[in-house]
C-alpha atoms as a PDB file:
ATOM      1  CA  MET A   1    -112.189  53.340 303.432  1.00  0.00           C
ATOM      2  CA  ILE A   2    -109.500  54.100 300.916  1.00  0.00           C
ATOM      3  CA  GLN A   3    -110.980  57.406 299.772  1.00  0.00           C
ATOM      4  CA  ARG A   4    -110.236  59.099 303.103  1.00  0.00           C
ATOM      5  CA  ILE A   5    -107.000  61.078 303.206  1.00  0.00           C
ATOM      6  CA  GLN A   6    -105.980  59.644 306.581  1.00  0.00           C
ATOM      7  CA  THR A   7    -105.960  56.170 305.055  1.00  0.00           C
ATOM      8  CA  VAL A   8    -103.461  57.371 302.477  1.00  0.00           C
ATOM      9  CA  TYR A   9    -101.295  58.908 305.208  1.00  0.00           C
ATOM     10  CA  LEU A  10    -101.516  55.722 307.272  1.00  0.00           C
ATOM     11  CA  PHE A  11    -100.620  53.600 304.261  1.00  0.00           C
ATOM     12  CA  LEU A  12     -97.569  55.764 303.605  1.00  0.00           C
ATOM     13  CA  ALA A  13     -96.603  55.436 307.294  1.00  0.00           C
ATOM     14  CA  PHE A  14     -97.024  51.658 306.935  1.00  0.00           C
ATOM     15  CA  VAL A  15     -94.720  51.658 303.916  1.00  0.00           C
ATOM     16  CA  CYS A  16     -92.255  53.906 305.727  1.00  0.00           C
ATOM     17  CA  SER A  17     -92.016  51.623 308.754  1.00  0.00           C
ATOM     18  CA  GLY A  18     -92.674  48.247 307.147  1.00  0.00           C
ATOM     19  CA  VAL A  19     -91.156  48.219 303.675  1.00  0.00           C
ATOM     20  CA  LEU A  20     -88.484  50.901 303.457  1.00  0.00           C
ATOM     21  CA  PRO A  21     -86.323  49.598 306.360  1.00  0.00           C
ATOM     22  CA  PHE A  22     -85.691  46.502 304.247  1.00  0.00           C
ATOM     23  CA  VAL A  23     -84.470  48.704 301.406  1.00  0.00           C
ATOM     24  CA  PHE A  24     -82.464  51.411 303.164  1.00  0.00           C
ATOM     25  CA  PRO A  25     -79.721  50.594 305.684  1.00  0.00           C
ATOM     26  CA  LEU A  26     -79.578  52.394 309.008  1.00  0.00           C
ATOM     27  CA  TRP A  27     -75.841  53.020 308.759  1.00  0.00           C
ATOM     28  CA  LYS A  28     -72.567  51.609 307.468  1.00  0.00           C
ATOM     29  CA  ASP A  29     -69.881  50.324 309.779  1.00  0.00           C
ATOM     30  CA  MET A  30     -66.124  50.798 309.459  1.00  0.00           C
ATOM     31  CA  ALA A  31     -65.816  47.797 307.132  1.00  0.00           C
ATOM     32  CA  GLY A  32     -68.338  49.365 304.761  1.00  0.00           C
ATOM     33  CA  LYS A  33     -71.034  46.775 305.478  1.00  0.00           C
ATOM     34  CA  ASP A  34     -74.619  47.984 305.657  1.00  0.00           C
ATOM     35  CA  PHE A  35     -76.372  47.660 309.027  1.00  0.00           C
ATOM     36  CA  TYR A  36     -80.053  46.865 308.575  1.00  0.00           C
ATOM     37  CA  PHE A  37     -82.646  46.912 311.335  1.00  0.00           C
ATOM     38  CA  MET A  38     -82.949  43.108 311.278  1.00  0.00           C
ATOM     39  CA  LEU A  39     -79.498  42.729 312.801  1.00  0.00           C
ATOM     40  CA  ASP A  40     -80.700  44.103 316.158  1.00  0.00           C
ATOM     41  CA  VAL A  41     -83.676  42.582 317.973  1.00  0.00           C
ATOM     42  CA  VAL A  42     -84.801  45.838 319.605  1.00  0.00           C
ATOM     43  CA  TYR A  43     -84.921  47.741 316.316  1.00  0.00           C
ATOM     44  CA  ALA A  44     -86.732  44.868 314.618  1.00  0.00           C
ATOM     45  CA  ALA A  45     -89.320  44.666 317.410  1.00  0.00           C
ATOM     46  CA  ILE A  46     -90.066  48.395 317.420  1.00  0.00           C
ATOM     47  CA  PHE A  47     -90.255  48.596 313.621  1.00  0.00           C
ATOM     48  CA  GLY A  48     -92.577  45.563 313.721  1.00  0.00           C
ATOM     49  CA  LEU A  49     -94.816  47.190 316.323  1.00  0.00           C
ATOM     50  CA  CYS A  50     -94.974  50.428 314.331  1.00  0.00           C
ATOM     51  CA  THR A  51     -95.885  48.515 311.188  1.00  0.00           C
ATOM     52  CA  THR A  52     -98.548  46.485 312.976  1.00  0.00           C
ATOM     53  CA  LEU A  53    -100.102  49.557 314.572  1.00  0.00           C
ATOM     54  CA  ALA A  54    -100.275  51.348 311.234  1.00  0.00           C
ATOM     55  CA  LEU A  55    -101.917  48.335 309.591  1.00  0.00           C
ATOM     56  CA  VAL A  56    -104.441  47.872 312.414  1.00  0.00           C
ATOM     57  CA  SER A  57    -105.203  51.585 312.301  1.00  0.00           C
ATOM     58  CA  ILE A  58    -105.911  51.365 308.561  1.00  0.00           C
ATOM     59  CA  VAL A  59    -108.291  48.456 309.093  1.00  0.00           C
ATOM     60  CA  SER A  60    -110.181  50.118 311.973  1.00  0.00           C
ATOM     61  CA  PHE A  61    -111.503  53.013 309.914  1.00  0.00           C
ATOM     62  CA  LYS A  62    -114.985  52.800 311.455  1.00  0.00           C
ATOM     63  CA  LYS A  63    -113.681  53.550 314.957  1.00  0.00           C
ATOM     64  CA  ARG A  64    -112.098  56.962 314.589  1.00  0.00           C
ATOM     65  CA  GLN A  65    -111.309  57.424 318.280  1.00  0.00           C
ATOM     66  CA  ASN A  66    -109.460  54.087 318.454  1.00  0.00           C
ATOM     67  CA  GLN A  67    -107.650  54.982 315.254  1.00  0.00           C
ATOM     68  CA  PHE A  68    -106.589  58.307 316.788  1.00  0.00           C
ATOM     69  CA  VAL A  69    -105.267  56.594 319.953  1.00  0.00           C
ATOM     70  CA  MET A  70    -103.386  53.949 317.962  1.00  0.00           C
ATOM     71  CA  ASN A  71    -101.742  56.670 315.898  1.00  0.00           C
ATOM     72  CA  ARG A  72    -100.641  58.472 319.054  1.00  0.00           C
ATOM     73  CA  LEU A  73     -99.145  55.236 320.373  1.00  0.00           C
ATOM     74  CA  ASN A  74     -97.411  54.742 317.039  1.00  0.00           C
ATOM     75  CA  ILE A  75     -95.978  58.268 317.253  1.00  0.00           C
ATOM     76  CA  ILE A  76     -94.615  57.493 320.730  1.00  0.00           C
ATOM     77  CA  LEU A  77     -93.018  54.274 319.447  1.00  0.00           C
ATOM     78  CA  ASN A  78     -91.413  56.167 316.577  1.00  0.00           C
ATOM     79  CA  PHE A  79     -90.030  58.739 319.021  1.00  0.00           C
ATOM     80  CA  ILE A  80     -88.575  55.889 321.097  1.00  0.00           C
ATOM     81  CA  LEU A  81     -87.001  54.426 317.976  1.00  0.00           C
ATOM     82  CA  LEU A  82     -85.587  57.797 317.006  1.00  0.00           C
ATOM     83  CA  GLY A  83     -84.244  58.229 320.531  1.00  0.00           C
ATOM     84  CA  LEU A  84     -82.529  54.843 320.318  1.00  0.00           C
ATOM     85  CA  PHE A  85     -80.886  55.865 317.049  1.00  0.00           C
ATOM     86  CA  VAL A  86     -79.651  59.141 318.521  1.00  0.00           C
ATOM     87  CA  TYR A  87     -78.418  57.389 321.677  1.00  0.00           C
ATOM     88  CA  ARG A  88     -76.555  54.837 319.597  1.00  0.00           C
ATOM     89  CA  LEU A  89     -74.855  57.542 317.550  1.00  0.00           C
ATOM     90  CA  LEU A  90     -73.970  59.776 320.491  1.00  0.00           C
ATOM     91  CA  ASN A  91     -72.891  56.946 322.777  1.00  0.00           C
ATOM     92  CA  LEU A  92     -70.249  55.654 320.393  1.00  0.00           C
ATOM     93  CA  SER A  93     -66.920  57.371 320.599  1.00  0.00           C
ATOM     94  CA  GLY A  94     -65.692  58.789 317.333  1.00  0.00           C
ATOM     95  CA  GLU A  95     -65.704  56.433 314.399  1.00  0.00           C
ATOM     96  CA  ALA A  96     -65.711  53.273 316.508  1.00  0.00           C
ATOM     97  CA  THR A  97     -68.330  51.299 314.622  1.00  0.00           C
ATOM     98  CA  VAL A  98     -70.583  53.698 312.724  1.00  0.00           C
ATOM     99  CA  SER A  99     -68.909  55.180 309.704  1.00  0.00           C
ATOM    100  CA  GLU A 100     -71.739  56.606 307.650  1.00  0.00           C
ATOM    101  CA  LYS A 101     -75.346  57.265 308.546  1.00  0.00           C
ATOM    102  CA  GLY A 102     -77.968  55.912 306.204  1.00  0.00           C
ATOM    103  CA  ILE A 103     -81.342  57.250 305.221  1.00  0.00           C
ATOM    104  CA  GLY A 104     -82.935  54.501 307.300  1.00  0.00           C
ATOM    105  CA  MET A 105     -82.286  56.539 310.426  1.00  0.00           C
ATOM    106  CA  PHE A 106     -84.683  59.235 309.204  1.00  0.00           C
ATOM    107  CA  LEU A 107     -87.582  56.869 308.500  1.00  0.00           C
ATOM    108  CA  PRO A 108     -89.107  57.375 311.974  1.00  0.00           C
ATOM    109  CA  VAL A 109     -89.170  61.150 311.384  1.00  0.00           C
ATOM    110  CA  ILE A 110     -91.047  60.706 308.110  1.00  0.00           C
ATOM    111  CA  SER A 111     -93.413  58.253 309.782  1.00  0.00           C
ATOM    112  CA  ILE A 112     -94.088  60.694 312.645  1.00  0.00           C
ATOM    113  CA  VAL A 113     -94.976  63.464 310.189  1.00  0.00           C
ATOM    114  CA  LEU A 114     -97.343  61.173 308.281  1.00  0.00           C
ATOM    115  CA  LEU A 115     -99.016  59.987 311.487  1.00  0.00           C
ATOM    116  CA  VAL A 116     -99.531  63.570 312.681  1.00  0.00           C
ATOM    117  CA  LEU A 117    -101.137  64.447 309.345  1.00  0.00           C
ATOM    118  CA  ALA A 118    -103.377  61.372 309.646  1.00  0.00           C
ATOM    119  CA  ASN A 119    -104.415  62.417 313.154  1.00  0.00           C
ATOM    120  CA  LYS A 120    -105.301  65.905 311.917  1.00  0.00           C
ATOM    121  CA  ALA A 121    -107.504  64.387 309.211  1.00  0.00           C
ATOM    122  CA  ILE A 122    -109.145  62.015 311.714  1.00  0.00           C
ATOM    123  CA  LYS A 123    -109.854  64.950 314.018  1.00  0.00           C
ATOM    124  CA  LYS A 124    -111.392  66.883 311.127  1.00  0.00           C
ATOM    125  CA  ASP A 125    -113.666  63.909 310.298  1.00  0.00           C
ATOM    126  CA  GLU A 126    -114.677  63.562 313.933  1.00  0.00           C
ATOM    127  CA  ASP A 127    -115.562  67.262 314.140  1.00  0.00           C
ATOM    128  CA  LEU A 128    -117.615  66.978 310.952  1.00  0.00           C
ATOM    129  CA  VAL A 129    -119.596  64.031 312.328  1.00  0.00           C
ATOM    130  CA  LYS A 130    -120.221  65.870 315.607  1.00  0.00           C
ATOM    131  CA  SER A 131    -121.464  68.958 313.767  1.00  0.00           C
ATOM    132  CA  VAL A 132    -123.873  66.881 311.693  1.00  0.00           C
ATOM    133  CA  ASP A 133    -125.172  65.193 314.855  1.00  0.00           C
ATOM    134  CA  ARG A 134    -125.921  68.609 316.376  1.00  0.00           C
ATOM    135  CA  LEU A 135    -128.136  69.524 313.433  1.00  0.00           C
ATOM    136  CA  ARG A 136    -130.421  66.535 313.924  1.00  0.00           C
END
């Protein structure tokens, strides 16, 4: 249901992990060429999984518990992606290949924040349904 706030958060997380990586480069190399996520298979696979999980979570709005678990898994995948970015930057010595960091490296952080907000809203809905069931 589109009127729920967690659907809006999940849609923004979908855009953040599925659309924006095509627009913003991860970094620039020494030659000044932009490095997009598509140039590395691991980054492409993890971004694809994050996008798919966000989309499936949007569609499964009737099963709030499954939606909550999928969001947690998506948060873990985004942390893995962020860890890979940090490892790549810290593992390289000096200005060997990465010259300038792009905004694409911060997309997992934005996605994590949106997914946490969605989980809070899902939890609030679940508590509301449980309180109504107690009154019956």
